[in-house]
Amino acid sequence: MVNRHLLYWLIRNIPPPFMKKSNTPIIKHIPDFLDYCAVEKGLSDNTQKNYSCYLNKFKLWLKNNGKEDLKPHQLSNEDIWKYRLFLSRNNLDKSTQNYYLIALRAILSYFSDRDIHSLPADKIKLPKGKNKDSVKFLTLEQIEKLFSAPNTKSITGLRDRAILETLFSTGLRIGELITLNREQFENIENKKDYELSIIGKGNYPRTVYFSERALDWLKKYLKTRKDKEKPLFISYKGKKAEEPRLTARSIERIVKKYAIKAGIPVFTTPHTLRHSLATDFLNQGVDLRTIQEFLGHRSITSTQIYTHVTNKRLREIHRRFHSGRKL
């Protein structure tokens, strides 16, 4: 909530006495903002990269509209409105538009924290996305079809099967998956299952669990690795790269390719497998608090997107056991 004394000045678009007008264009503030995210906010490298990526879109919009020299205090409500129109007309869904707007809000909050006069962050309202109850997941039959799609006689197919199995077994986010290294799996040969401590989203530690099935595919894949590269999952395409680690975009393409091949829903992404794990747990009777720990959600609110499953299960239990039907 904006302090009422601060609001007095903002309504008049006059910088409060403790705020200063910056003569540095917004575009040139972005590197300092990213440093601020790292040092003072303690945000992860992935979050910083995402902010940088989303703000590049805003930089492009400013340049295309002759506003590359726009100062923080010159940014107006009309500018925000025109930028929102630009995002909505670029065939971006509501949730994706939100990411770009959240990044813009973040830099406005940075200006406020640095006593630099600009629009308050809460001037940017986020559009409502799709109903969270519409979270998409796969059935076990669809997951089995997906897993059977890679040709495991090839090294890339074996790698891809290990990726798919790992995503479903652990519920890893795509950004967490691509940071895995071989050294984390040096002693798995005689293990039937495996647990691994990772640093997840927001730099919070958590433990993820590999089933016997997922571990078997990882073992098969690692036996084919004759190289000395550090990443767990590497690219085999083209010339040897300085960084052979698969990118998030590469993982997304791999999952999409096999979803199409398997004839399962085209909405399938790496995150769909994370949703599928959570949904399967709920179907087996696991409570939301436990699933929250598995997924690494900091708030139970994030886990409550899966209540569509509990609601359905409770409805079925009510129909079967409520004694009112005997009256």
C-alpha atoms as a PDB file:
ATOM      1  CA  MET A   1       0.000   0.000   0.000  1.00  0.00           C
ATOM      2  CA  VAL A   2       1.279   3.474  -0.917  1.00  0.00           C
ATOM      3  CA  ASN A   3       1.901   5.767   2.064  1.00  0.00           C
ATOM      4  CA  ARG A   4      -0.758   8.552   2.094  1.00  0.00           C
ATOM      5  CA  HIS A   5       1.887  11.268   2.325  1.00  0.00           C
ATOM      6  CA  LEU A   6       3.660   9.802  -0.671  1.00  0.00           C
ATOM      7  CA  LEU A   7       0.322   9.531  -2.479  1.00  0.00           C
ATOM      8  CA  TYR A   8      -0.192  13.267  -2.040  1.00  0.00           C
ATOM      9  CA  TRP A   9       2.837  13.937  -4.223  1.00  0.00           C
ATOM     10  CA  LEU A  10       2.264  11.123  -6.699  1.00  0.00           C
ATOM     11  CA  ILE A  11      -1.267  12.293  -7.516  1.00  0.00           C
ATOM     12  CA  ARG A  12       0.228  15.633  -8.522  1.00  0.00           C
ATOM     13  CA  ASN A  13       3.040  13.901 -10.426  1.00  0.00           C
ATOM     14  CA  ILE A  14       5.543  15.884  -8.392  1.00  0.00           C
ATOM     15  CA  PRO A  15       8.557  14.117  -6.882  1.00  0.00           C
ATOM     16  CA  PRO A  16       8.288  14.027  -3.063  1.00  0.00           C
ATOM     17  CA  PRO A  17      11.023  15.963  -1.247  1.00  0.00           C
ATOM     18  CA  PHE A  18      13.007  12.782  -0.568  1.00  0.00           C
ATOM     19  CA  MET A  19      12.855  11.627  -4.204  1.00  0.00           C
ATOM     20  CA  LYS A  20      15.059  12.784  -7.036  1.00  0.00           C
ATOM     21  CA  LYS A  21      14.608  12.979 -10.767  1.00  0.00           C
ATOM     22  CA  SER A  22      17.131  10.874 -12.634  1.00  0.00           C
ATOM     23  CA  ASN A  23      18.573  12.150 -15.911  1.00  0.00           C
ATOM     24  CA  THR A  24      19.608   8.607 -16.839  1.00  0.00           C
ATOM     25  CA  PRO A  25      17.262   6.894 -19.333  1.00  0.00           C
ATOM     26  CA  ILE A  26      15.316   3.892 -18.074  1.00  0.00           C
ATOM     27  CA  ILE A  27      17.203   1.639 -20.492  1.00  0.00           C
ATOM     28  CA  LYS A  28      20.526   2.504 -18.851  1.00  0.00           C
ATOM     29  CA  HIS A  29      19.150   1.770 -15.378  1.00  0.00           C
ATOM     30  CA  ILE A  30      18.527  -1.890 -16.251  1.00  0.00           C
ATOM     31  CA  PRO A  31      22.086  -3.206 -15.547  1.00  0.00           C
ATOM     32  CA  ASP A  32      22.021  -1.565 -12.100  1.00  0.00           C
ATOM     33  CA  PHE A  33      18.553  -3.008 -11.511  1.00  0.00           C
ATOM     34  CA  LEU A  34      19.841  -6.530 -12.299  1.00  0.00           C
ATOM     35  CA  ASP A  35      22.764  -6.034  -9.891  1.00  0.00           C
ATOM     36  CA  TYR A  36      20.248  -4.897  -7.277  1.00  0.00           C
ATOM     37  CA  CYS A  37      18.235  -8.097  -7.865  1.00  0.00           C
ATOM     38  CA  ALA A  38      21.351 -10.189  -7.262  1.00  0.00           C
ATOM     39  CA  VAL A  39      22.913  -8.349  -4.332  1.00  0.00           C
ATOM     40  CA  GLU A  40      20.045  -6.841  -2.358  1.00  0.00           C
ATOM     41  CA  LYS A  41      17.152  -9.090  -3.332  1.00  0.00           C
ATOM     42  CA  GLY A  42      19.195 -12.282  -3.503  1.00  0.00           C
ATOM     43  CA  LEU A  43      17.347 -13.488  -6.588  1.00  0.00           C
ATOM     44  CA  SER A  44      18.645 -16.523  -8.465  1.00  0.00           C
ATOM     45  CA  ASP A  45      20.624 -16.309 -11.699  1.00  0.00           C
ATOM     46  CA  ASN A  46      17.630 -17.705 -13.585  1.00  0.00           C
ATOM     47  CA  THR A  47      15.316 -15.015 -12.215  1.00  0.00           C
ATOM     48  CA  GLN A  48      17.817 -12.321 -13.169  1.00  0.00           C
ATOM     49  CA  LYS A  49      18.087 -13.755 -16.692  1.00  0.00           C
ATOM     50  CA  ASN A  50      14.301 -13.817 -16.963  1.00  0.00           C
ATOM     51  CA  TYR A  51      14.028 -10.182 -15.856  1.00  0.00           C
ATOM     52  CA  SER A  52      16.695  -9.241 -18.388  1.00  0.00           C
ATOM     53  CA  CYS A  53      14.860 -11.094 -21.146  1.00  0.00           C
ATOM     54  CA  TYR A  54      11.477  -9.563 -20.315  1.00  0.00           C
ATOM     55  CA  LEU A  55      12.905  -6.061 -20.019  1.00  0.00           C
ATOM     56  CA  ASN A  56      14.537  -6.451 -23.440  1.00  0.00           C
ATOM     57  CA  LYS A  57      11.018  -6.463 -24.847  1.00  0.00           C
ATOM     58  CA  PHE A  58      10.320  -3.163 -23.086  1.00  0.00           C
ATOM     59  CA  LYS A  59      13.627  -1.741 -24.414  1.00  0.00           C
ATOM     60  CA  LEU A  60      12.603  -2.774 -27.928  1.00  0.00           C
ATOM     61  CA  TRP A  61       9.232  -1.085 -27.518  1.00  0.00           C
ATOM     62  CA  LEU A  62      10.871   2.117 -26.278  1.00  0.00           C
ATOM     63  CA  LYS A  63      13.300   2.185 -29.218  1.00  0.00           C
ATOM     64  CA  ASN A  64      10.593   1.445 -31.778  1.00  0.00           C
ATOM     65  CA  ASN A  65       8.579   4.360 -30.441  1.00  0.00           C
ATOM     66  CA  GLY A  66      11.447   6.841 -30.271  1.00  0.00           C
ATOM     67  CA  LYS A  67      11.503   6.745 -26.476  1.00  0.00           C
ATOM     68  CA  GLU A  68      14.927   5.186 -25.839  1.00  0.00           C
ATOM     69  CA  ASP A  69      15.926   8.336 -23.882  1.00  0.00           C
ATOM     70  CA  LEU A  70      12.818   8.234 -21.675  1.00  0.00           C
ATOM     71  CA  LYS A  71      13.711   8.987 -18.044  1.00  0.00           C
ATOM     72  CA  PRO A  72      12.014   7.199 -15.105  1.00  0.00           C
ATOM     73  CA  HIS A  73       9.989  10.295 -14.134  1.00  0.00           C
ATOM     74  CA  GLN A  74       8.836  10.727 -17.753  1.00  0.00           C
ATOM     75  CA  LEU A  75       7.190   7.304 -17.949  1.00  0.00           C
ATOM     76  CA  SER A  76       3.451   7.950 -17.979  1.00  0.00           C
ATOM     77  CA  ASN A  77       0.262   5.966 -17.532  1.00  0.00           C
ATOM     78  CA  GLU A  78      -0.293   6.376 -21.270  1.00  0.00           C
ATOM     79  CA  ASP A  79       3.100   4.770 -21.975  1.00  0.00           C
ATOM     80  CA  ILE A  80       2.149   1.810 -19.792  1.00  0.00           C
ATOM     81  CA  TRP A  81      -1.175   1.488 -21.600  1.00  0.00           C
ATOM     82  CA  LYS A  82       0.444   1.556 -25.045  1.00  0.00           C
ATOM     83  CA  TYR A  83       3.026  -1.037 -23.968  1.00  0.00           C
ATOM     84  CA  ARG A  84       0.238  -3.301 -22.725  1.00  0.00           C
ATOM     85  CA  LEU A  85      -1.518  -2.942 -26.068  1.00  0.00           C
ATOM     86  CA  PHE A  86       1.753  -3.857 -27.782  1.00  0.00           C
ATOM     87  CA  LEU A  87       2.034  -7.040 -25.686  1.00  0.00           C
ATOM     88  CA  SER A  88      -1.598  -8.053 -26.226  1.00  0.00           C
ATOM     89  CA  ARG A  89      -1.284  -7.609 -30.003  1.00  0.00           C
ATOM     90  CA  ASN A  90       1.765  -9.882 -30.184  1.00  0.00           C
ATOM     91  CA  ASN A  91      -0.276 -13.069 -29.707  1.00  0.00           C
ATOM     92  CA  LEU A  92       0.955 -13.527 -26.142  1.00  0.00           C
ATOM     93  CA  ASP A  93      -1.386 -15.266 -23.717  1.00  0.00           C
ATOM     94  CA  LYS A  94      -2.363 -13.507 -20.500  1.00  0.00           C
ATOM     95  CA  SER A  95       0.109 -15.380 -18.312  1.00  0.00           C
ATOM     96  CA  THR A  96       3.021 -14.530 -20.637  1.00  0.00           C
ATOM     97  CA  GLN A  97       1.987 -10.876 -20.725  1.00  0.00           C
ATOM     98  CA  ASN A  98       2.074 -10.966 -16.935  1.00  0.00           C
ATOM     99  CA  TYR A  99       5.749 -11.978 -16.946  1.00  0.00           C
ATOM    100  CA  TYR A 100       6.671  -8.880 -18.986  1.00  0.00           C
ATOM    101  CA  LEU A 101       4.567  -6.628 -16.769  1.00  0.00           C
ATOM    102  CA  ILE A 102       5.952  -8.142 -13.556  1.00  0.00           C
ATOM    103  CA  ALA A 103       9.478  -7.340 -14.763  1.00  0.00           C
ATOM    104  CA  LEU A 104       8.428  -3.751 -15.466  1.00  0.00           C
ATOM    105  CA  ARG A 105       6.804  -3.487 -12.050  1.00  0.00           C
ATOM    106  CA  ALA A 106      10.007  -4.804 -10.494  1.00  0.00           C
ATOM    107  CA  ILE A 107      12.126  -2.041 -11.997  1.00  0.00           C
ATOM    108  CA  LEU A 108       9.580   0.576 -10.870  1.00  0.00           C
ATOM    109  CA  SER A 109       9.889  -0.859  -7.352  1.00  0.00           C
ATOM    110  CA  TYR A 110      13.665  -0.549  -7.731  1.00  0.00           C
ATOM    111  CA  PHE A 111      13.283   3.133  -8.606  1.00  0.00           C
ATOM    112  CA  SER A 112      11.136   3.647  -5.524  1.00  0.00           C
ATOM    113  CA  ASP A 113      13.674   1.847  -3.336  1.00  0.00           C
ATOM    114  CA  ARG A 114      16.420   4.102  -4.737  1.00  0.00           C
ATOM    115  CA  ASP A 115      14.298   7.225  -4.180  1.00  0.00           C
ATOM    116  CA  ILE A 116      14.173   7.826  -7.928  1.00  0.00           C
ATOM    117  CA  HIS A 117      10.962   9.529  -8.986  1.00  0.00           C
ATOM    118  CA  SER A 118       8.798   7.344 -11.246  1.00  0.00           C
ATOM    119  CA  LEU A 119       5.339   5.839 -11.453  1.00  0.00           C
ATOM    120  CA  PRO A 120       4.521   3.626  -8.456  1.00  0.00           C
ATOM    121  CA  ALA A 121       4.720  -0.088  -9.234  1.00  0.00           C
ATOM    122  CA  ASP A 122       1.079  -0.666  -8.334  1.00  0.00           C
ATOM    123  CA  LYS A 123       0.054   1.451 -11.328  1.00  0.00           C
ATOM    124  CA  ILE A 124       0.690  -1.659 -13.403  1.00  0.00           C
ATOM    125  CA  LYS A 125      -2.245  -4.013 -12.960  1.00  0.00           C
ATOM    126  CA  LEU A 126      -1.822  -7.583 -14.119  1.00  0.00           C
ATOM    127  CA  PRO A 127      -4.396  -9.052 -16.501  1.00  0.00           C
ATOM    128  CA  LYS A 128      -6.222 -12.071 -15.208  1.00  0.00           C
ATOM    129  CA  GLY A 129      -4.865 -15.279 -16.656  1.00  0.00           C
ATOM    130  CA  LYS A 130      -6.634 -18.539 -17.230  1.00  0.00           C
ATOM    131  CA  ASN A 131      -8.480 -20.130 -14.365  1.00  0.00           C
ATOM    132  CA  LYS A 132      -5.920 -21.967 -12.272  1.00  0.00           C
ATOM    133  CA  ASP A 133      -8.350 -24.863 -11.999  1.00  0.00           C
ATOM    134  CA  SER A 134      -7.632 -25.537 -15.671  1.00  0.00           C
ATOM    135  CA  VAL A 135      -4.080 -26.736 -14.916  1.00  0.00           C
ATOM    136  CA  LYS A 136      -3.134 -29.299 -17.551  1.00  0.00           C
ATOM    137  CA  PHE A 137      -1.733 -32.736 -16.771  1.00  0.00           C
ATOM    138  CA  LEU A 138      -1.346 -36.136 -18.412  1.00  0.00           C
ATOM    139  CA  THR A 139      -2.910 -39.448 -17.475  1.00  0.00           C
ATOM    140  CA  LEU A 140      -0.610 -42.350 -16.653  1.00  0.00           C
ATOM    141  CA  GLU A 141      -1.503 -43.917 -19.998  1.00  0.00           C
ATOM    142  CA  GLN A 142      -0.447 -40.743 -21.826  1.00  0.00           C
ATOM    143  CA  ILE A 143       2.775 -40.554 -19.819  1.00  0.00           C
ATOM    144  CA  GLU A 144       3.608 -44.147 -20.783  1.00  0.00           C
ATOM    145  CA  LYS A 145       3.066 -43.268 -24.455  1.00  0.00           C
ATOM    146  CA  LEU A 146       5.356 -40.266 -24.068  1.00  0.00           C
ATOM    147  CA  PHE A 147       8.078 -42.339 -22.442  1.00  0.00           C
ATOM    148  CA  SER A 148       7.880 -44.949 -25.214  1.00  0.00           C
ATOM    149  CA  ALA A 149       8.347 -42.358 -27.979  1.00  0.00           C
ATOM    150  CA  PRO A 150      12.186 -41.943 -27.925  1.00  0.00           C
ATOM    151  CA  ASN A 151      14.289 -44.452 -29.850  1.00  0.00           C
ATOM    152  CA  THR A 152      16.462 -45.686 -26.990  1.00  0.00           C
ATOM    153  CA  LYS A 153      18.797 -47.524 -29.364  1.00  0.00           C
ATOM    154  CA  SER A 154      20.375 -44.149 -30.138  1.00  0.00           C
ATOM    155  CA  ILE A 155      22.357 -42.093 -27.649  1.00  0.00           C
ATOM    156  CA  THR A 156      20.074 -39.076 -28.068  1.00  0.00           C
ATOM    157  CA  GLY A 157      16.972 -41.222 -27.635  1.00  0.00           C
ATOM    158  CA  LEU A 158      18.436 -42.746 -24.482  1.00  0.00           C
ATOM    159  CA  ARG A 159      19.276 -39.287 -23.168  1.00  0.00           C
ATOM    160  CA  ASP A 160      15.766 -38.064 -23.952  1.00  0.00           C
ATOM    161  CA  ARG A 161      14.127 -41.024 -22.224  1.00  0.00           C
ATOM    162  CA  ALA A 162      16.235 -40.294 -19.143  1.00  0.00           C
ATOM    163  CA  ILE A 163      15.127 -36.635 -19.276  1.00  0.00           C
ATOM    164  CA  LEU A 164      11.433 -37.540 -19.483  1.00  0.00           C
ATOM    165  CA  GLU A 165      11.669 -40.088 -16.686  1.00  0.00           C
ATOM    166  CA  THR A 166      13.594 -37.629 -14.499  1.00  0.00           C
ATOM    167  CA  LEU A 167      11.046 -34.842 -14.979  1.00  0.00           C
ATOM    168  CA  PHE A 168       8.133 -37.050 -13.971  1.00  0.00           C
ATOM    169  CA  SER A 169       9.905 -38.774 -11.082  1.00  0.00           C
ATOM    170  CA  THR A 170      11.290 -35.637  -9.442  1.00  0.00           C
ATOM    171  CA  GLY A 171       8.901 -32.842 -10.407  1.00  0.00           C
ATOM    172  CA  LEU A 172      11.943 -30.711 -11.231  1.00  0.00           C
ATOM    173  CA  ARG A 173      11.390 -27.358 -12.849  1.00  0.00           C
ATOM    174  CA  ILE A 174      13.087 -27.029 -16.215  1.00  0.00           C
ATOM    175  CA  GLY A 175      15.586 -24.510 -14.806  1.00  0.00           C
ATOM    176  CA  GLU A 176      16.486 -26.975 -12.058  1.00  0.00           C
ATOM    177  CA  LEU A 177      16.856 -29.887 -14.473  1.00  0.00           C
ATOM    178  CA  ILE A 178      19.383 -28.175 -16.737  1.00  0.00           C
ATOM    179  CA  THR A 179      21.688 -27.347 -13.826  1.00  0.00           C
ATOM    180  CA  LEU A 180      22.205 -31.009 -12.888  1.00  0.00           C
ATOM    181  CA  ASN A 181      25.783 -32.298 -13.206  1.00  0.00           C
ATOM    182  CA  ARG A 182      27.214 -35.788 -13.638  1.00  0.00           C
ATOM    183  CA  GLU A 183      29.155 -35.614 -10.386  1.00  0.00           C
ATOM    184  CA  GLN A 184      25.839 -35.598  -8.513  1.00  0.00           C
ATOM    185  CA  PHE A 185      25.208 -39.134  -9.786  1.00  0.00           C
ATOM    186  CA  GLU A 186      28.622 -40.753  -9.321  1.00  0.00           C
ATOM    187  CA  ASN A 187      27.490 -43.344  -6.768  1.00  0.00           C
ATOM    188  CA  ILE A 188      24.154 -44.552  -8.141  1.00  0.00           C
ATOM    189  CA  GLU A 189      25.259 -47.857  -9.684  1.00  0.00           C
ATOM    190  CA  ASN A 190      24.036 -50.078  -6.838  1.00  0.00           C
ATOM    191  CA  LYS A 191      21.094 -47.950  -5.754  1.00  0.00           C
ATOM    192  CA  LYS A 192      17.451 -48.802  -6.401  1.00  0.00           C
ATOM    193  CA  ASP A 193      16.276 -45.267  -5.755  1.00  0.00           C
ATOM    194  CA  TYR A 194      18.009 -41.995  -5.106  1.00  0.00           C
ATOM    195  CA  GLU A 195      17.445 -38.674  -3.379  1.00  0.00           C
ATOM    196  CA  LEU A 196      19.274 -35.527  -4.280  1.00  0.00           C
ATOM    197  CA  SER A 197      19.529 -32.139  -2.594  1.00  0.00           C
ATOM    198  CA  ILE A 198      19.188 -29.239  -5.020  1.00  0.00           C
ATOM    199  CA  ILE A 199      18.960 -25.469  -4.837  1.00  0.00           C
ATOM    200  CA  GLY A 200      15.605 -24.650  -6.352  1.00  0.00           C
ATOM    201  CA  LYS A 201      13.696 -21.557  -7.338  1.00  0.00           C
ATOM    202  CA  GLY A 202      14.523 -18.531  -5.197  1.00  0.00           C
ATOM    203  CA  ASN A 203      17.728 -20.220  -3.982  1.00  0.00           C
ATOM    204  CA  TYR A 204      15.749 -22.430  -1.606  1.00  0.00           C
ATOM    205  CA  PRO A 205      17.143 -25.930  -0.973  1.00  0.00           C
ATOM    206  CA  ARG A 206      14.958 -29.001  -1.303  1.00  0.00           C
ATOM    207  CA  THR A 207      15.263 -32.744  -1.828  1.00  0.00           C
ATOM    208  CA  VAL A 208      14.047 -34.478  -4.993  1.00  0.00           C
ATOM    209  CA  TYR A 209      13.538 -38.207  -5.417  1.00  0.00           C
ATOM    210  CA  PHE A 210      14.404 -40.514  -8.308  1.00  0.00           C
ATOM    211  CA  SER A 211      12.310 -43.666  -8.620  1.00  0.00           C
ATOM    212  CA  GLU A 212      13.923 -47.004  -9.417  1.00  0.00           C
ATOM    213  CA  ARG A 213      12.603 -46.728 -12.955  1.00  0.00           C
ATOM    214  CA  ALA A 214      13.971 -43.213 -13.522  1.00  0.00           C
ATOM    215  CA  LEU A 215      17.290 -44.209 -11.985  1.00  0.00           C
ATOM    216  CA  ASP A 216      17.588 -47.229 -14.310  1.00  0.00           C
ATOM    217  CA  TRP A 217      17.267 -45.008 -17.364  1.00  0.00           C
ATOM    218  CA  LEU A 218      19.800 -42.557 -15.978  1.00  0.00           C
ATOM    219  CA  LYS A 219      22.260 -45.416 -15.428  1.00  0.00           C
ATOM    220  CA  LYS A 220      21.776 -46.640 -19.017  1.00  0.00           C
ATOM    221  CA  TYR A 221      22.320 -43.135 -20.343  1.00  0.00           C
ATOM    222  CA  LEU A 222      25.415 -42.455 -18.231  1.00  0.00           C
ATOM    223  CA  LYS A 223      27.032 -45.702 -19.395  1.00  0.00           C
ATOM    224  CA  THR A 224      27.077 -44.253 -22.926  1.00  0.00           C
ATOM    225  CA  ARG A 225      28.912 -41.113 -21.810  1.00  0.00           C
ATOM    226  CA  LYS A 226      32.562 -41.440 -22.844  1.00  0.00           C
ATOM    227  CA  ASP A 227      33.196 -37.698 -22.660  1.00  0.00           C
ATOM    228  CA  LYS A 228      34.403 -35.678 -19.674  1.00  0.00           C
ATOM    229  CA  GLU A 229      31.762 -32.972 -19.852  1.00  0.00           C
ATOM    230  CA  LYS A 230      30.344 -31.729 -16.544  1.00  0.00           C
ATOM    231  CA  PRO A 231      26.595 -31.387 -17.319  1.00  0.00           C
ATOM    232  CA  LEU A 232      24.283 -34.358 -16.831  1.00  0.00           C
ATOM    233  CA  PHE A 233      22.358 -33.730 -20.032  1.00  0.00           C
ATOM    234  CA  ILE A 234      24.354 -32.532 -23.049  1.00  0.00           C
ATOM    235  CA  SER A 235      23.727 -31.741 -26.697  1.00  0.00           C
ATOM    236  CA  TYR A 236      24.998 -34.072 -29.418  1.00  0.00           C
ATOM    237  CA  LYS A 237      24.200 -31.798 -32.354  1.00  0.00           C
ATOM    238  CA  GLY A 238      26.691 -30.032 -34.611  1.00  0.00           C
ATOM    239  CA  LYS A 239      30.167 -28.945 -33.612  1.00  0.00           C
ATOM    240  CA  LYS A 240      31.332 -29.315 -30.053  1.00  0.00           C
ATOM    241  CA  ALA A 241      30.163 -26.266 -28.157  1.00  0.00           C
ATOM    242  CA  GLU A 242      32.023 -24.479 -25.388  1.00  0.00           C
ATOM    243  CA  GLU A 243      29.008 -25.155 -23.164  1.00  0.00           C
ATOM    244  CA  PRO A 244      27.402 -28.457 -24.230  1.00  0.00           C
ATOM    245  CA  ARG A 245      24.738 -28.257 -21.522  1.00  0.00           C
ATOM    246  CA  LEU A 246      21.208 -28.492 -22.914  1.00  0.00           C
ATOM    247  CA  THR A 247      19.272 -25.251 -22.581  1.00  0.00           C
ATOM    248  CA  ALA A 248      15.738 -24.842 -21.276  1.00  0.00           C
ATOM    249  CA  ARG A 249      14.558 -24.208 -24.823  1.00  0.00           C
ATOM    250  CA  SER A 250      16.197 -27.451 -25.977  1.00  0.00           C
ATOM    251  CA  ILE A 251      14.405 -29.431 -23.258  1.00  0.00           C
ATOM    252  CA  GLU A 252      11.104 -27.841 -24.272  1.00  0.00           C
ATOM    253  CA  ARG A 253      11.665 -28.839 -27.904  1.00  0.00           C
ATOM    254  CA  ILE A 254      12.549 -32.398 -26.893  1.00  0.00           C
ATOM    255  CA  VAL A 255       9.347 -32.819 -24.867  1.00  0.00           C
ATOM    256  CA  LYS A 256       7.219 -31.250 -27.599  1.00  0.00           C
ATOM    257  CA  LYS A 257       8.753 -33.521 -30.260  1.00  0.00           C
ATOM    258  CA  TYR A 258       7.889 -36.689 -28.367  1.00  0.00           C
ATOM    259  CA  ALA A 259       4.441 -35.432 -27.393  1.00  0.00           C
ATOM    260  CA  ILE A 260       3.622 -35.048 -31.086  1.00  0.00           C
ATOM    261  CA  LYS A 261       5.181 -38.418 -31.914  1.00  0.00           C
ATOM    262  CA  ALA A 262       3.245 -40.141 -29.119  1.00  0.00           C
ATOM    263  CA  GLY A 263      -0.031 -38.559 -30.185  1.00  0.00           C
ATOM    264  CA  ILE A 264      -0.724 -37.047 -26.776  1.00  0.00           C
ATOM    265  CA  PRO A 265      -2.014 -33.481 -26.144  1.00  0.00           C
ATOM    266  CA  VAL A 266       0.043 -30.774 -27.841  1.00  0.00           C
ATOM    267  CA  PHE A 267      -0.027 -28.655 -24.674  1.00  0.00           C
ATOM    268  CA  THR A 268       2.559 -31.043 -23.173  1.00  0.00           C
ATOM    269  CA  THR A 269       5.637 -29.254 -21.821  1.00  0.00           C
ATOM    270  CA  PRO A 270       8.253 -30.089 -19.168  1.00  0.00           C
ATOM    271  CA  HIS A 271       6.030 -28.323 -16.636  1.00  0.00           C
ATOM    272  CA  THR A 272       3.121 -30.574 -17.634  1.00  0.00           C
ATOM    273  CA  LEU A 273       5.085 -33.514 -16.223  1.00  0.00           C
ATOM    274  CA  ARG A 274       5.513 -31.602 -12.959  1.00  0.00           C
ATOM    275  CA  HIS A 275       1.741 -31.026 -12.888  1.00  0.00           C
ATOM    276  CA  SER A 276       1.213 -34.700 -13.698  1.00  0.00           C
ATOM    277  CA  LEU A 277       3.366 -35.811 -10.768  1.00  0.00           C
ATOM    278  CA  ALA A 278       1.402 -33.609  -8.357  1.00  0.00           C
ATOM    279  CA  THR A 279      -1.914 -34.790  -9.774  1.00  0.00           C
ATOM    280  CA  ASP A 280      -0.877 -38.426  -9.494  1.00  0.00           C
ATOM    281  CA  PHE A 281       0.135 -37.899  -5.855  1.00  0.00           C
ATOM    282  CA  LEU A 282      -3.260 -36.371  -5.087  1.00  0.00           C
ATOM    283  CA  ASN A 283      -5.032 -39.267  -6.776  1.00  0.00           C
ATOM    284  CA  GLN A 284      -3.066 -41.612  -4.519  1.00  0.00           C
ATOM    285  CA  GLY A 285      -4.237 -39.714  -1.434  1.00  0.00           C
ATOM    286  CA  VAL A 286      -1.147 -37.593  -0.695  1.00  0.00           C
ATOM    287  CA  ASP A 287      -2.072 -34.348   1.095  1.00  0.00           C
ATOM    288  CA  LEU A 288      -1.385 -30.887  -0.298  1.00  0.00           C
ATOM    289  CA  ARG A 289       1.171 -29.961   2.379  1.00  0.00           C
ATOM    290  CA  THR A 290       3.339 -32.940   1.452  1.00  0.00           C
ATOM    291  CA  ILE A 291       3.037 -32.151  -2.251  1.00  0.00           C
ATOM    292  CA  GLN A 292       4.044 -28.575  -1.447  1.00  0.00           C
ATOM    293  CA  GLU A 293       7.328 -29.934  -0.065  1.00  0.00           C
ATOM    294  CA  PHE A 294       7.887 -32.223  -3.052  1.00  0.00           C
ATOM    295  CA  LEU A 295       7.424 -29.364  -5.512  1.00  0.00           C
ATOM    296  CA  GLY A 296       9.351 -26.777  -3.521  1.00  0.00           C
ATOM    297  CA  HIS A 297       6.497 -24.279  -3.297  1.00  0.00           C
ATOM    298  CA  ARG A 298       7.182 -21.613  -0.693  1.00  0.00           C
ATOM    299  CA  SER A 299       3.460 -21.054  -0.181  1.00  0.00           C
ATOM    300  CA  ILE A 300       0.600 -23.549  -0.017  1.00  0.00           C
ATOM    301  CA  THR A 301      -1.299 -21.138  -2.282  1.00  0.00           C
ATOM    302  CA  SER A 302       0.868 -22.246  -5.210  1.00  0.00           C
ATOM    303  CA  THR A 303       0.028 -25.893  -4.515  1.00  0.00           C
ATOM    304  CA  GLN A 304      -3.691 -25.208  -4.342  1.00  0.00           C
ATOM    305  CA  ILE A 305      -3.909 -25.112  -8.136  1.00  0.00           C
ATOM    306  CA  TYR A 306      -4.235 -28.886  -7.818  1.00  0.00           C
ATOM    307  CA  THR A 307      -7.395 -28.759  -5.734  1.00  0.00           C
ATOM    308  CA  HIS A 308      -9.357 -29.660  -8.879  1.00  0.00           C
ATOM    309  CA  VAL A 309      -8.230 -33.207  -8.146  1.00  0.00           C
ATOM    310  CA  THR A 310      -9.029 -33.183  -4.426  1.00  0.00           C
ATOM    311  CA  ASN A 311     -12.406 -31.573  -5.127  1.00  0.00           C
ATOM    312  CA  LYS A 312     -13.253 -34.336  -7.599  1.00  0.00           C
ATOM    313  CA  ARG A 313     -12.056 -37.069  -5.242  1.00  0.00           C
ATOM    314  CA  LEU A 314     -13.975 -35.624  -2.285  1.00  0.00           C
ATOM    315  CA  ARG A 315     -17.126 -35.367  -4.417  1.00  0.00           C
ATOM    316  CA  GLU A 316     -16.843 -39.052  -5.336  1.00  0.00           C
ATOM    317  CA  ILE A 317     -16.287 -40.033  -1.685  1.00  0.00           C
ATOM    318  CA  HIS A 318     -19.307 -37.962  -0.638  1.00  0.00           C
ATOM    319  CA  ARG A 319     -21.503 -39.649  -3.249  1.00  0.00           C
ATOM    320  CA  ARG A 320     -20.360 -43.125  -2.206  1.00  0.00           C
ATOM    321  CA  PHE A 321     -20.438 -42.827   1.563  1.00  0.00           C
ATOM    322  CA  HIS A 322     -22.786 -40.058   2.655  1.00  0.00           C
ATOM    323  CA  SER A 323     -25.589 -41.712   4.646  1.00  0.00           C
ATOM    324  CA  GLY A 324     -28.153 -39.239   3.386  1.00  0.00           C
ATOM    325  CA  ARG A 325     -28.741 -41.520   0.429  1.00  0.00           C
ATOM    326  CA  LYS A 326     -30.141 -44.134   2.828  1.00  0.00           C
ATOM    327  CA  LEU A 327     -32.740 -41.840   4.380  1.00  0.00           C
END
